Amino acid sequence: MSQVTSTGSAWLTAAGAGARWLVGIIFVVAGLAKAYEPVLFYWEAISYVELLNIERESWPQLGALAVFVLPVLETGVGVALIANWHRRWTLSLAIAMMGLFIALTGHAWQQGAEINCGCFGTLVERTPGEALVEDLFMMGALLVAWRWGTERWVPSLDLRVILGVAALSLVLVLIGYLPESDRIASSDLKPGVSLKGLDLAGADVDLSEGTYLVELFSPRCGRCAAAVPKLNYWAETPGVPPIVALHTFPPESKYITDFVRQLEPKYVIASISSSDWKRLTWRHGWPRLALVEDGEIQRVWEHSGMPSARYLVELTANSESD
């Protein structure tokens, strides 16, 4: 009997260690992914801040706080979990963090928000509902590690190593975020910016290859509706790049179906996440127009200064000759 009990105890201890390692690795990957692309994570964080009904003036500060704190905290706690460094302290902090993640993703799911979870940057796209299921699983794994883990940790690993990994995340954030601070303060739709991570729903278009005119519009916007005849003319004009109009409504939304039925646009329409919409229209109106070549923005026009079809043809011809 004692041997069976010992075997069962060994299995539980192994399960606790495995759960701790699994969550630790996930934390490190998630933290480094956020740190590697802090600008994208900033806009994901802004989407969650908006759902909390916080005043708009506070969004940039809270978004920046998330960018500088969360990647560093995740990588540091992740390494500490893997090493089993001061298990009770580390697990307590990890459980508290996971509780916060569950509350945020659960609230976003309950609100029906069409946003990316932002958990792993552009490595993996997750809806709030999918992220909630994963967070609940990781919370369960942490509780298993708390109940059946051991107090031992890796002797060769000390606090300096954990702080060093966390510092690496901070350096990545500083390198990726600070040079873009001016762009973040206005909009992400600027010449020279790559549309990396832009996921289009409802259309089979790859903006990373070829030349396109990308319009940002809302089906509830009068100016956007008034611009459809001009865009239809462009769509039928030889030499004008293909037009892709982006909005933030679900593809099956009544607003979109009514917009298409009433105005009959002759160009591609696709949906993007609320986070991407914010970063491409921040502090600007719409419609907005951008010339995109192989995923990189070349020109941007606001609704008050749209180009002519002749200019677009000449601009595209000159670009191709170069």
Protein backbone atom coordinates (compact mmCIF):
# COMPACT_ATOMS: atom_id res chain seq x y z
CA MET A 1 0.00 0.00 0.00
CA SER A 2 2.76 2.42 0.88
CA GLN A 3 4.42 1.73 -2.46
CA VAL A 4 1.18 2.51 -4.33
CA THR A 5 0.76 5.68 -2.30
CA SER A 6 4.34 6.67 -3.04
CA THR A 7 3.82 6.04 -6.76
CA GLY A 8 0.64 8.13 -6.77
CA SER A 9 2.40 10.91 -4.92
CA ALA A 10 5.24 10.83 -7.44
CA TRP A 11 2.77 11.13 -10.31
CA LEU A 12 1.07 14.11 -8.68
CA THR A 13 4.41 15.78 -8.07
CA ALA A 14 5.36 15.21 -11.69
CA ALA A 15 2.01 16.65 -12.82
CA GLY A 16 2.58 19.73 -10.66
CA ALA A 17 6.05 20.24 -12.09
CA GLY A 18 4.82 19.73 -15.66
CA ALA A 19 1.99 22.21 -15.18
CA ARG A 20 4.41 24.76 -13.75
CA TRP A 21 6.83 24.31 -16.64
CA LEU A 22 4.05 24.57 -19.22
CA VAL A 23 2.65 27.84 -17.85
CA GLY A 24 6.15 29.22 -17.37
CA ILE A 25 7.06 28.59 -21.00
CA ILE A 26 3.77 30.13 -22.17
CA PHE A 27 4.42 33.21 -20.04
CA VAL A 28 7.93 33.65 -21.46
CA VAL A 29 6.76 33.24 -25.08
CA ALA A 30 3.82 35.62 -24.55
CA GLY A 31 6.00 38.22 -22.85
CA LEU A 32 8.72 38.16 -25.49
CA ALA A 33 6.13 38.28 -28.31
CA LYS A 34 4.61 41.41 -26.80
CA ALA A 35 8.04 42.96 -26.25
CA TYR A 36 9.14 42.19 -29.80
CA GLU A 37 6.16 44.05 -31.30
CA PRO A 38 5.16 46.58 -28.65
CA VAL A 39 3.33 48.91 -31.05
CA LEU A 40 0.88 46.18 -32.06
CA PHE A 41 0.39 45.18 -28.42
CA TYR A 42 -0.26 48.82 -27.53
CA TRP A 43 -3.32 48.90 -29.79
CA GLU A 44 -4.54 45.55 -28.48
CA ALA A 45 -4.30 46.94 -24.96
CA ILE A 46 -6.19 50.09 -26.00
CA SER A 47 -9.10 47.91 -27.13
CA TYR A 48 -9.40 46.34 -23.68
CA VAL A 49 -9.10 49.73 -21.98
CA GLU A 50 -12.01 50.99 -24.06
CA LEU A 51 -14.20 48.10 -22.89
CA LEU A 52 -13.68 49.20 -19.28
CA ASN A 53 -15.50 52.50 -19.99
CA ILE A 54 -12.47 54.55 -19.01
CA GLU A 55 -12.29 58.15 -20.24
CA ARG A 56 -10.70 58.39 -23.68
CA GLU A 57 -8.09 60.87 -22.48
CA SER A 58 -6.58 58.14 -20.28
CA TRP A 59 -6.29 55.51 -23.00
CA PRO A 60 -2.76 56.40 -24.22
CA GLN A 61 -1.31 56.39 -20.69
CA LEU A 62 -2.92 53.07 -19.78
CA GLY A 63 -1.90 51.53 -23.10
CA ALA A 64 1.71 52.61 -22.57
CA LEU A 65 1.61 51.27 -18.99
CA ALA A 66 0.52 47.86 -20.28
CA VAL A 67 3.27 47.88 -22.92
CA PHE A 68 6.05 48.59 -20.43
CA VAL A 69 4.82 46.46 -17.51
CA LEU A 70 3.16 43.33 -18.84
CA PRO A 71 5.91 41.92 -21.13
CA VAL A 72 8.53 42.43 -18.41
CA LEU A 73 6.33 40.87 -15.74
CA GLU A 74 5.34 37.90 -17.91
CA THR A 75 8.89 36.98 -18.90
CA GLY A 76 10.23 37.39 -15.37
CA VAL A 77 7.45 35.35 -13.77
CA GLY A 78 7.70 32.77 -16.57
CA VAL A 79 11.40 32.14 -15.93
CA ALA A 80 10.76 32.00 -12.18
CA LEU A 81 8.03 29.39 -12.73
CA ILE A 82 10.28 27.26 -14.90
CA ALA A 83 13.03 27.40 -12.26
CA ASN A 84 10.56 26.92 -9.38
CA TRP A 85 12.17 29.95 -7.76
CA HIS A 86 10.44 30.64 -4.42
CA ARG A 87 7.45 28.64 -5.59
CA ARG A 88 4.75 30.11 -3.33
CA TRP A 89 5.65 33.71 -4.14
CA THR A 90 5.95 33.10 -7.86
CA LEU A 91 2.79 31.00 -8.10
CA SER A 92 0.84 33.58 -6.11
CA LEU A 93 1.86 36.32 -8.53
CA ALA A 94 1.17 34.10 -11.57
CA ILE A 95 -2.29 33.18 -10.25
CA ALA A 96 -3.09 36.86 -9.62
CA MET A 97 -2.00 37.75 -13.16
CA MET A 98 -4.04 34.93 -14.62
CA GLY A 99 -7.04 36.09 -12.62
CA LEU A 100 -6.67 39.52 -14.20
CA PHE A 101 -6.39 38.01 -17.69
CA ILE A 102 -9.52 35.91 -17.10
CA ALA A 103 -11.45 38.96 -15.91
CA LEU A 104 -10.41 41.01 -18.96
CA THR A 105 -10.98 38.33 -21.59
CA GLY A 106 -14.21 37.26 -19.90
CA HIS A 107 -15.51 40.82 -19.96
CA ALA A 108 -14.52 41.22 -23.62
CA TRP A 109 -16.23 37.92 -24.48
CA GLN A 110 -19.37 38.89 -22.55
CA GLN A 111 -19.46 42.22 -24.44
CA GLY A 112 -19.15 40.41 -27.76
CA ALA A 113 -16.04 42.45 -28.64
CA GLU A 114 -14.53 41.75 -32.07
CA ILE A 115 -10.90 42.22 -30.98
CA ASN A 116 -7.71 40.19 -30.88
CA CYS A 117 -6.69 39.01 -27.44
CA GLY A 118 -3.13 40.34 -27.87
CA CYS A 119 -1.76 37.41 -25.87
CA PHE A 120 1.00 36.42 -28.29
CA GLY A 121 1.41 39.46 -30.53
CA THR A 122 1.18 38.37 -34.16
CA LEU A 123 2.33 34.80 -33.43
CA VAL A 124 -1.22 33.59 -32.79
CA GLU A 125 -4.54 35.39 -33.30
CA ARG A 126 -7.15 34.69 -30.62
CA THR A 127 -10.67 35.97 -30.01
CA PRO A 128 -11.58 36.89 -26.42
CA GLY A 129 -13.61 33.68 -26.15
CA GLU A 130 -10.72 31.49 -27.29
CA ALA A 131 -8.34 33.36 -24.98
CA LEU A 132 -10.74 32.88 -22.05
CA VAL A 133 -10.75 29.10 -22.51
CA GLU A 134 -6.94 29.05 -22.65
CA ASP A 135 -6.66 31.30 -19.58
CA LEU A 136 -9.00 29.03 -17.59
CA PHE A 137 -6.87 26.04 -18.58
CA MET A 138 -3.69 27.81 -17.45
CA MET A 139 -5.32 28.82 -14.19
CA GLY A 140 -6.13 25.17 -13.59
CA ALA A 141 -2.52 24.24 -14.35
CA LEU A 142 -1.28 26.84 -11.86
CA LEU A 143 -3.58 25.47 -9.16
CA VAL A 144 -2.25 21.96 -9.84
CA ALA A 145 1.30 23.29 -9.50
CA TRP A 146 0.34 25.04 -6.24
CA ARG A 147 -1.22 21.91 -4.74
CA TRP A 148 1.23 19.23 -5.81
CA GLY A 149 4.47 21.03 -6.63
CA THR A 150 7.64 20.93 -4.57
CA GLU A 151 9.65 23.60 -2.81
CA ARG A 152 12.87 22.78 -4.63
CA TRP A 153 14.22 25.12 -7.28
CA VAL A 154 17.16 25.06 -9.68
CA PRO A 155 20.24 25.82 -7.51
CA SER A 156 22.20 27.44 -10.35
CA LEU A 157 19.50 30.00 -11.09
CA ASP A 158 19.26 33.07 -8.89
CA LEU A 159 17.37 36.34 -8.95
CA ARG A 160 19.93 37.98 -11.23
CA VAL A 161 19.07 35.60 -14.08
CA ILE A 162 15.35 36.23 -13.69
CA LEU A 163 15.89 39.98 -13.63
CA GLY A 164 18.19 39.69 -16.64
CA VAL A 165 15.51 38.00 -18.74
CA ALA A 166 12.94 40.57 -17.61
CA ALA A 167 15.41 43.34 -18.51
CA LEU A 168 15.78 41.83 -21.99
CA SER A 169 12.03 42.24 -22.48
CA LEU A 170 12.25 45.85 -21.36
CA VAL A 171 15.09 46.54 -23.80
CA LEU A 172 13.02 45.06 -26.65
CA VAL A 173 10.07 47.24 -25.67
CA LEU A 174 12.24 50.37 -25.58
CA ILE A 175 13.79 49.58 -28.97
CA GLY A 176 10.43 48.91 -30.60
CA TYR A 177 8.26 51.50 -28.86
CA LEU A 178 10.20 54.71 -28.28
CA PRO A 179 11.14 55.40 -31.94
CA GLU A 180 7.45 55.01 -32.83
CA SER A 181 6.04 57.19 -30.05
CA ASP A 182 5.22 60.09 -32.37
CA ARG A 183 3.41 57.79 -34.79
CA ILE A 184 1.50 56.16 -31.96
CA ALA A 185 0.36 59.58 -30.77
CA SER A 186 -1.29 60.26 -34.12
CA SER A 187 -1.93 57.18 -36.23
CA ASP A 188 -0.36 54.00 -37.50
CA LEU A 189 -1.38 54.83 -41.08
CA LYS A 190 1.78 56.63 -42.16
CA PRO A 191 4.12 56.29 -45.16
CA GLY A 192 6.83 53.74 -44.49
CA VAL A 193 4.72 51.72 -42.07
CA SER A 194 4.27 48.00 -42.70
CA LEU A 195 0.78 46.56 -42.35
CA LYS A 196 2.22 43.46 -40.72
CA GLY A 197 -0.30 41.65 -38.58
CA LEU A 198 -3.34 43.06 -40.41
CA ASP A 199 -5.81 40.18 -40.61
CA LEU A 200 -8.59 40.59 -43.20
CA ALA A 201 -11.89 38.76 -42.75
CA GLY A 202 -14.38 38.31 -45.56
CA ALA A 203 -11.93 38.67 -48.45
CA ASP A 204 -9.14 36.59 -49.96
CA VAL A 205 -6.58 39.37 -50.30
CA ASP A 206 -2.93 39.46 -49.29
CA LEU A 207 -1.84 43.08 -48.88
CA SER A 208 1.78 42.00 -48.44
CA GLU A 209 2.07 41.23 -52.16
CA GLY A 210 1.27 43.69 -54.91
CA THR A 211 -0.06 47.24 -55.07
CA TYR A 212 -3.42 48.25 -53.58
CA LEU A 213 -5.49 51.26 -52.66
CA VAL A 214 -6.68 50.66 -49.12
CA GLU A 215 -9.69 52.62 -47.89
CA LEU A 216 -10.75 52.80 -44.26
CA PHE A 217 -14.48 53.40 -43.99
CA SER A 218 -17.57 52.86 -41.89
CA PRO A 219 -20.92 51.75 -43.36
CA ARG A 220 -22.55 54.22 -40.97
CA CYS A 221 -20.52 57.19 -42.26
CA GLY A 222 -22.20 59.61 -44.67
CA ARG A 223 -18.90 60.73 -46.22
CA CYS A 224 -17.98 57.08 -46.79
CA ALA A 225 -21.27 56.42 -48.59
CA ALA A 226 -20.79 59.55 -50.70
CA ALA A 227 -17.31 58.33 -51.73
CA VAL A 228 -18.56 55.02 -53.20
CA PRO A 229 -19.33 56.38 -56.72
CA LYS A 230 -15.80 57.82 -56.93
CA LEU A 231 -14.25 54.53 -55.78
CA ASN A 232 -16.42 52.61 -58.26
CA TYR A 233 -15.11 54.87 -61.03
CA TRP A 234 -11.55 54.22 -59.88
CA ALA A 235 -12.22 50.47 -59.78
CA GLU A 236 -13.15 50.57 -63.47
CA THR A 237 -10.30 52.88 -64.51
CA PRO A 238 -7.33 51.07 -66.13
CA GLY A 239 -4.08 51.67 -64.29
CA VAL A 240 -5.64 52.30 -60.88
CA PRO A 241 -4.58 49.63 -58.35
CA PRO A 242 -7.21 47.25 -56.95
CA ILE A 243 -9.21 48.82 -54.13
CA VAL A 244 -9.66 47.12 -50.76
CA ALA A 245 -12.05 48.86 -48.36
CA LEU A 246 -11.62 47.98 -44.68
CA HIS A 247 -14.12 48.33 -41.84
CA THR A 248 -14.44 47.00 -38.30
CA PHE A 249 -17.91 45.43 -38.45
CA PRO A 250 -18.46 41.65 -38.62
CA PRO A 251 -18.72 40.54 -42.28
CA GLU A 252 -22.33 39.44 -41.73
CA SER A 253 -23.32 42.72 -40.03
CA LYS A 254 -26.61 44.28 -41.16
CA TYR A 255 -24.81 47.59 -41.65
CA ILE A 256 -22.44 45.98 -44.16
CA THR A 257 -25.10 44.00 -46.03
CA ASP A 258 -27.26 47.13 -46.33
CA PHE A 259 -24.25 49.20 -47.45
CA VAL A 260 -23.42 46.68 -50.20
CA ARG A 261 -27.05 46.26 -51.29
CA GLN A 262 -27.80 49.97 -51.51
CA LEU A 263 -24.52 51.34 -52.90
CA GLU A 264 -23.18 48.33 -54.88
CA PRO A 265 -19.45 48.91 -54.40
CA LYS A 266 -17.39 47.39 -57.22
CA TYR A 267 -14.32 46.74 -55.09
CA VAL A 268 -13.30 44.35 -52.31
CA ILE A 269 -14.65 44.93 -48.80
CA ALA A 270 -13.09 43.24 -45.76
CA SER A 271 -13.31 43.43 -41.99
CA ILE A 272 -10.42 44.06 -39.61
CA SER A 273 -10.27 43.86 -35.83
CA SER A 274 -11.26 46.76 -33.61
CA SER A 275 -7.63 47.02 -32.48
CA ASP A 276 -6.35 47.38 -36.05
CA TRP A 277 -9.09 49.88 -36.83
CA LYS A 278 -8.04 52.06 -33.90
CA ARG A 279 -4.38 52.08 -34.82
CA LEU A 280 -5.18 53.01 -38.44
CA THR A 281 -7.70 55.78 -37.65
CA TRP A 282 -6.49 57.10 -34.29
CA ARG A 283 -7.42 60.79 -33.95
CA HIS A 284 -8.43 60.96 -37.61
CA GLY A 285 -11.73 60.82 -39.43
CA TRP A 286 -12.71 58.56 -42.28
CA PRO A 287 -12.74 57.63 -45.03
CA ARG A 288 -8.96 57.48 -45.24
CA LEU A 289 -7.02 56.20 -48.23
CA ALA A 290 -3.56 54.70 -48.52
CA LEU A 291 -1.45 53.45 -51.40
CA VAL A 292 0.15 50.17 -50.29
CA GLU A 293 2.95 48.35 -52.10
CA ASP A 294 3.99 44.89 -50.91
CA GLY A 295 2.51 45.57 -47.49
CA GLU A 296 4.19 48.95 -46.98
CA ILE A 297 2.29 52.25 -46.98
CA GLN A 298 3.54 54.69 -49.63
CA ARG A 299 0.97 57.53 -49.56
CA VAL A 300 -1.92 58.54 -47.31
CA TRP A 301 -4.89 60.80 -48.10
CA GLU A 302 -7.52 62.09 -45.70
CA HIS A 303 -11.18 62.42 -46.65
CA SER A 304 -10.74 66.14 -47.28
CA GLY A 305 -7.98 65.69 -49.87
CA MET A 306 -8.64 62.58 -51.95
CA PRO A 307 -6.59 62.25 -55.18
CA SER A 308 -7.93 62.09 -58.72
CA ALA A 309 -7.99 58.94 -60.83
CA ARG A 310 -5.45 60.47 -63.22
CA TYR A 311 -3.05 61.18 -60.37
CA LEU A 312 -3.40 57.61 -59.08
CA VAL A 313 -2.67 56.18 -62.54
CA GLU A 314 0.42 58.37 -62.90
CA LEU A 315 1.60 57.61 -59.38
CA THR A 316 1.25 53.87 -59.91
CA ALA A 317 2.97 54.01 -63.32
CA ASN A 318 5.91 55.96 -61.89
CA SER A 319 6.20 53.52 -59.00
CA GLU A 320 6.27 50.53 -61.34
CA SER A 321 8.88 52.17 -63.58
CA ASP A 322 11.14 52.74 -60.57
